[in-house]
N, C-alpha and C. Protein backbone atom coordinates (compact mmCIF):
# COMPACT_ATOMS: atom_id res chain seq x y z
N MET A 1 -23.81 -3.05 14.50
CA MET A 1 -22.80 -3.07 13.45
C MET A 1 -22.02 -4.38 13.53
N GLY A 2 -22.70 -5.43 13.28
CA GLY A 2 -22.10 -6.75 13.36
C GLY A 2 -21.52 -7.18 12.05
N PRO A 3 -21.40 -8.50 11.85
CA PRO A 3 -20.78 -9.04 10.64
C PRO A 3 -21.53 -8.67 9.37
N ASP A 4 -22.85 -8.39 9.47
CA ASP A 4 -23.60 -8.03 8.27
C ASP A 4 -23.08 -6.74 7.65
N ARG A 5 -22.66 -5.81 8.49
CA ARG A 5 -22.12 -4.54 7.99
C ARG A 5 -20.90 -4.79 7.11
N LYS A 6 -20.03 -5.66 7.52
CA LYS A 6 -18.86 -5.95 6.71
C LYS A 6 -19.26 -6.49 5.35
N ASN A 7 -20.23 -7.36 5.33
CA ASN A 7 -20.66 -7.95 4.06
C ASN A 7 -21.28 -6.91 3.14
N THR A 8 -22.04 -5.95 3.67
CA THR A 8 -22.66 -4.95 2.82
C THR A 8 -21.64 -3.97 2.25
N LEU A 9 -20.50 -3.85 2.91
CA LEU A 9 -19.45 -2.98 2.40
C LEU A 9 -18.52 -3.71 1.45
N GLY A 10 -18.75 -5.01 1.27
CA GLY A 10 -17.94 -5.77 0.35
C GLY A 10 -16.59 -6.17 0.90
N ARG A 11 -16.41 -6.10 2.19
CA ARG A 11 -15.13 -6.47 2.78
C ARG A 11 -15.12 -7.94 3.12
N LYS A 12 -13.97 -8.54 3.02
CA LYS A 12 -13.81 -9.94 3.37
C LYS A 12 -13.60 -10.06 4.87
N SER A 13 -14.19 -11.07 5.46
CA SER A 13 -14.05 -11.25 6.89
C SER A 13 -12.71 -11.87 7.27
N SER A 14 -11.97 -12.37 6.29
CA SER A 14 -10.70 -13.03 6.59
C SER A 14 -9.55 -12.05 6.85
N GLY A 15 -9.79 -10.76 6.76
CA GLY A 15 -8.75 -9.77 7.01
C GLY A 15 -8.25 -9.18 5.71
N ALA A 16 -7.60 -8.06 5.82
CA ALA A 16 -7.11 -7.34 4.64
C ALA A 16 -5.94 -8.08 3.99
N PHE A 17 -5.96 -8.12 2.68
CA PHE A 17 -4.88 -8.79 1.94
C PHE A 17 -3.54 -8.15 2.24
N TRP A 18 -3.51 -6.85 2.38
CA TRP A 18 -2.23 -6.17 2.59
C TRP A 18 -1.56 -6.64 3.87
N GLN A 19 -2.34 -7.03 4.89
CA GLN A 19 -1.72 -7.52 6.11
C GLN A 19 -1.02 -8.84 5.87
N ARG A 20 -1.65 -9.72 5.10
CA ARG A 20 -1.02 -10.99 4.77
C ARG A 20 0.21 -10.73 3.90
N PHE A 21 0.12 -9.78 3.00
CA PHE A 21 1.22 -9.42 2.11
C PHE A 21 2.41 -8.94 2.93
N ARG A 22 2.14 -8.06 3.90
CA ARG A 22 3.20 -7.50 4.73
C ARG A 22 3.86 -8.54 5.61
N ARG A 23 3.06 -9.36 6.23
CA ARG A 23 3.59 -10.35 7.16
C ARG A 23 4.17 -11.55 6.46
N GLY A 24 3.79 -11.77 5.22
CA GLY A 24 4.30 -12.90 4.47
C GLY A 24 3.57 -14.19 4.79
N SER A 25 2.52 -14.14 5.62
CA SER A 25 1.79 -15.37 5.93
C SER A 25 0.88 -15.72 4.76
N GLY A 26 0.97 -16.95 4.31
CA GLY A 26 0.14 -17.37 3.19
C GLY A 26 0.69 -16.93 1.85
N VAL A 27 1.76 -16.20 1.87
CA VAL A 27 2.37 -15.70 0.65
C VAL A 27 3.84 -16.06 0.72
N SER A 28 4.42 -16.37 -0.43
CA SER A 28 5.83 -16.78 -0.42
C SER A 28 6.71 -15.66 0.12
N SER A 29 7.84 -16.04 0.69
CA SER A 29 8.73 -15.05 1.29
C SER A 29 9.33 -14.11 0.26
N SER A 30 9.21 -14.42 -1.02
CA SER A 30 9.74 -13.53 -2.05
C SER A 30 8.96 -12.23 -2.13
N ASN A 31 7.77 -12.16 -1.49
CA ASN A 31 6.99 -10.93 -1.48
C ASN A 31 7.43 -9.97 -0.39
N LYS A 32 8.39 -10.35 0.42
CA LYS A 32 8.95 -9.46 1.43
C LYS A 32 10.09 -8.72 0.74
N PHE A 33 9.85 -7.49 0.37
CA PHE A 33 10.81 -6.74 -0.43
C PHE A 33 11.81 -6.00 0.43
N THR A 34 13.01 -5.87 -0.08
CA THR A 34 14.04 -5.09 0.60
C THR A 34 13.99 -3.66 0.10
N LYS A 35 14.60 -2.77 0.85
CA LYS A 35 14.68 -1.36 0.45
C LYS A 35 15.34 -1.24 -0.92
N ARG A 36 16.36 -2.04 -1.15
CA ARG A 36 17.08 -1.99 -2.42
C ARG A 36 16.18 -2.39 -3.58
N GLU A 37 15.38 -3.45 -3.39
CA GLU A 37 14.46 -3.89 -4.44
C GLU A 37 13.41 -2.83 -4.73
N VAL A 38 12.84 -2.28 -3.67
CA VAL A 38 11.79 -1.27 -3.84
C VAL A 38 12.34 -0.04 -4.54
N SER A 39 13.55 0.34 -4.23
CA SER A 39 14.12 1.55 -4.84
C SER A 39 14.29 1.41 -6.35
N SER A 40 14.26 0.18 -6.86
CA SER A 40 14.38 -0.01 -8.31
C SER A 40 13.03 -0.15 -9.01
N TRP A 41 11.93 -0.08 -8.25
CA TRP A 41 10.59 -0.21 -8.85
C TRP A 41 10.31 0.94 -9.80
N ASP A 42 9.57 0.63 -10.86
CA ASP A 42 9.05 1.69 -11.73
C ASP A 42 7.62 1.99 -11.30
N VAL A 43 6.98 2.90 -12.01
CA VAL A 43 5.63 3.34 -11.65
C VAL A 43 4.64 2.18 -11.63
N SER A 44 4.74 1.27 -12.59
CA SER A 44 3.79 0.16 -12.65
C SER A 44 3.93 -0.77 -11.45
N GLU A 45 5.13 -0.94 -10.95
CA GLU A 45 5.32 -1.78 -9.76
C GLU A 45 4.77 -1.09 -8.51
N VAL A 46 4.91 0.22 -8.45
CA VAL A 46 4.34 0.97 -7.32
C VAL A 46 2.82 0.86 -7.35
N THR A 47 2.22 0.99 -8.53
CA THR A 47 0.77 0.90 -8.60
C THR A 47 0.29 -0.52 -8.30
N SER A 48 1.04 -1.53 -8.68
CA SER A 48 0.69 -2.91 -8.32
C SER A 48 0.76 -3.10 -6.81
N TRP A 49 1.75 -2.51 -6.19
CA TRP A 49 1.88 -2.57 -4.73
C TRP A 49 0.68 -1.91 -4.07
N LEU A 50 0.25 -0.76 -4.60
CA LEU A 50 -0.93 -0.09 -4.06
C LEU A 50 -2.15 -1.01 -4.14
N GLU A 51 -2.28 -1.70 -5.26
CA GLU A 51 -3.39 -2.65 -5.42
C GLU A 51 -3.32 -3.73 -4.36
N SER A 52 -2.13 -4.21 -4.06
CA SER A 52 -1.97 -5.28 -3.06
C SER A 52 -2.37 -4.80 -1.66
N LEU A 53 -2.30 -3.49 -1.45
CA LEU A 53 -2.71 -2.90 -0.17
C LEU A 53 -4.19 -2.55 -0.17
N GLN A 54 -4.87 -2.87 -1.25
CA GLN A 54 -6.26 -2.52 -1.47
C GLN A 54 -6.45 -1.00 -1.49
N LEU A 55 -5.46 -0.32 -2.05
CA LEU A 55 -5.49 1.13 -2.18
C LEU A 55 -5.31 1.55 -3.64
N GLY A 56 -5.82 0.72 -4.53
CA GLY A 56 -5.70 0.97 -5.95
C GLY A 56 -6.36 2.26 -6.41
N GLU A 57 -7.25 2.80 -5.60
CA GLU A 57 -7.90 4.05 -5.96
C GLU A 57 -6.90 5.20 -6.11
N TYR A 58 -5.70 5.03 -5.56
CA TYR A 58 -4.67 6.06 -5.64
C TYR A 58 -3.64 5.80 -6.74
N ALA A 59 -3.78 4.69 -7.43
CA ALA A 59 -2.80 4.31 -8.45
C ALA A 59 -2.66 5.38 -9.53
N GLU A 60 -3.77 5.92 -9.98
CA GLU A 60 -3.72 6.93 -11.04
C GLU A 60 -2.97 8.18 -10.59
N SER A 61 -3.20 8.59 -9.36
CA SER A 61 -2.51 9.77 -8.83
C SER A 61 -1.01 9.53 -8.69
N PHE A 62 -0.64 8.36 -8.17
CA PHE A 62 0.79 8.04 -8.02
C PHE A 62 1.45 7.99 -9.39
N ALA A 63 0.76 7.43 -10.37
CA ALA A 63 1.31 7.36 -11.73
C ALA A 63 1.42 8.75 -12.34
N ALA A 64 0.41 9.58 -12.15
CA ALA A 64 0.42 10.93 -12.71
C ALA A 64 1.56 11.77 -12.12
N HIS A 65 1.93 11.47 -10.89
CA HIS A 65 3.02 12.19 -10.24
C HIS A 65 4.35 11.46 -10.37
N ASP A 66 4.37 10.41 -11.20
CA ASP A 66 5.60 9.65 -11.51
C ASP A 66 6.30 9.16 -10.24
N VAL A 67 5.52 8.58 -9.33
CA VAL A 67 6.09 8.04 -8.09
C VAL A 67 6.66 6.66 -8.40
N ARG A 68 7.96 6.56 -8.30
CA ARG A 68 8.67 5.29 -8.48
C ARG A 68 9.11 4.80 -7.11
N GLY A 69 9.74 3.66 -7.07
CA GLY A 69 10.16 3.08 -5.80
C GLY A 69 11.03 3.98 -4.96
N ARG A 70 11.97 4.62 -5.60
CA ARG A 70 12.88 5.51 -4.85
C ARG A 70 12.11 6.64 -4.17
N GLU A 71 11.14 7.21 -4.89
CA GLU A 71 10.33 8.29 -4.29
C GLU A 71 9.38 7.73 -3.23
N LEU A 72 8.85 6.55 -3.49
CA LEU A 72 7.93 5.92 -2.54
C LEU A 72 8.56 5.80 -1.16
N LEU A 73 9.82 5.43 -1.13
CA LEU A 73 10.53 5.23 0.14
C LEU A 73 10.68 6.51 0.95
N THR A 74 10.54 7.66 0.31
CA THR A 74 10.75 8.94 1.02
C THR A 74 9.47 9.74 1.22
N LEU A 75 8.32 9.17 0.83
CA LEU A 75 7.07 9.92 0.97
C LEU A 75 6.71 10.14 2.43
N THR A 76 6.17 11.32 2.72
CA THR A 76 5.74 11.67 4.07
C THR A 76 4.22 11.79 4.09
N ARG A 77 3.66 11.98 5.29
CA ARG A 77 2.22 12.18 5.42
C ARG A 77 1.76 13.34 4.54
N ARG A 78 2.53 14.40 4.50
CA ARG A 78 2.18 15.57 3.69
C ARG A 78 2.16 15.21 2.20
N ASP A 79 3.14 14.41 1.77
CA ASP A 79 3.18 13.98 0.38
C ASP A 79 1.95 13.14 0.03
N PHE A 80 1.58 12.23 0.94
CA PHE A 80 0.40 11.40 0.70
C PHE A 80 -0.84 12.27 0.52
N LYS A 81 -0.96 13.31 1.35
CA LYS A 81 -2.11 14.20 1.23
C LYS A 81 -2.09 14.93 -0.11
N GLU A 82 -0.91 15.34 -0.56
CA GLU A 82 -0.80 16.02 -1.86
C GLU A 82 -1.14 15.07 -3.01
N LEU A 83 -0.95 13.77 -2.79
CA LEU A 83 -1.29 12.77 -3.79
C LEU A 83 -2.77 12.39 -3.74
N GLY A 84 -3.51 13.00 -2.81
CA GLY A 84 -4.94 12.75 -2.72
C GLY A 84 -5.34 11.72 -1.68
N VAL A 85 -4.38 11.25 -0.90
CA VAL A 85 -4.69 10.29 0.16
C VAL A 85 -5.08 11.11 1.39
N VAL A 86 -6.38 11.17 1.68
CA VAL A 86 -6.84 12.02 2.77
C VAL A 86 -7.43 11.24 3.94
N LYS A 87 -7.78 10.00 3.72
CA LYS A 87 -8.34 9.20 4.80
C LYS A 87 -7.23 8.79 5.76
N VAL A 88 -7.44 9.03 7.04
CA VAL A 88 -6.42 8.75 8.05
C VAL A 88 -5.98 7.29 8.00
N GLY A 89 -6.93 6.39 7.87
CA GLY A 89 -6.59 4.96 7.82
C GLY A 89 -5.71 4.62 6.64
N HIS A 90 -5.97 5.24 5.49
CA HIS A 90 -5.17 4.99 4.29
C HIS A 90 -3.76 5.55 4.46
N ILE A 91 -3.67 6.74 5.04
CA ILE A 91 -2.36 7.34 5.28
C ILE A 91 -1.54 6.46 6.22
N LYS A 92 -2.18 5.99 7.28
CA LYS A 92 -1.47 5.13 8.24
C LYS A 92 -1.06 3.82 7.60
N ARG A 93 -1.94 3.23 6.78
CA ARG A 93 -1.62 1.97 6.11
C ARG A 93 -0.41 2.14 5.21
N LEU A 94 -0.40 3.22 4.43
CA LEU A 94 0.73 3.48 3.54
C LEU A 94 2.01 3.77 4.32
N THR A 95 1.89 4.59 5.35
CA THR A 95 3.06 4.94 6.16
C THR A 95 3.70 3.70 6.78
N LEU A 96 2.87 2.83 7.35
CA LEU A 96 3.39 1.60 7.97
C LEU A 96 4.00 0.66 6.94
N ALA A 97 3.36 0.55 5.79
CA ALA A 97 3.88 -0.35 4.73
C ALA A 97 5.22 0.15 4.22
N VAL A 98 5.36 1.45 4.00
CA VAL A 98 6.64 2.01 3.53
C VAL A 98 7.69 1.87 4.63
N LYS A 99 7.30 2.08 5.87
CA LYS A 99 8.23 1.96 6.99
C LYS A 99 8.83 0.55 7.05
N GLU A 100 8.03 -0.45 6.73
CA GLU A 100 8.55 -1.82 6.73
C GLU A 100 9.63 -2.04 5.68
N PHE A 101 9.54 -1.34 4.56
CA PHE A 101 10.57 -1.44 3.54
C PHE A 101 11.88 -0.84 4.04
N VAL A 102 11.78 0.27 4.74
CA VAL A 102 12.94 1.04 5.18
C VAL A 102 13.66 0.34 6.34
N SER A 103 12.89 -0.30 7.22
CA SER A 103 13.51 -0.92 8.41
C SER A 103 13.98 -2.33 8.14
């Protein structure tokens, strides 16, 4: 399961975009959002954020459940599962990303 496996799955070898987004490396510091900024997001901004985490497959579910920034900040593992996020890696990615907004 070497580098060829990554290529067949369509993943980039340079690392996940969401990690660069979170850390701010290679991206302007304006992409580091505060809790206050996130709490004012509407549904379209939440779905754009999901896309930036490479989790756009959940955008429709978040939109259908009217998840806005304020709700995003309070979501728990149980909420993510109810929204259809069942993969452990995806739940952890979302949990860590939201935690960064809160801290």
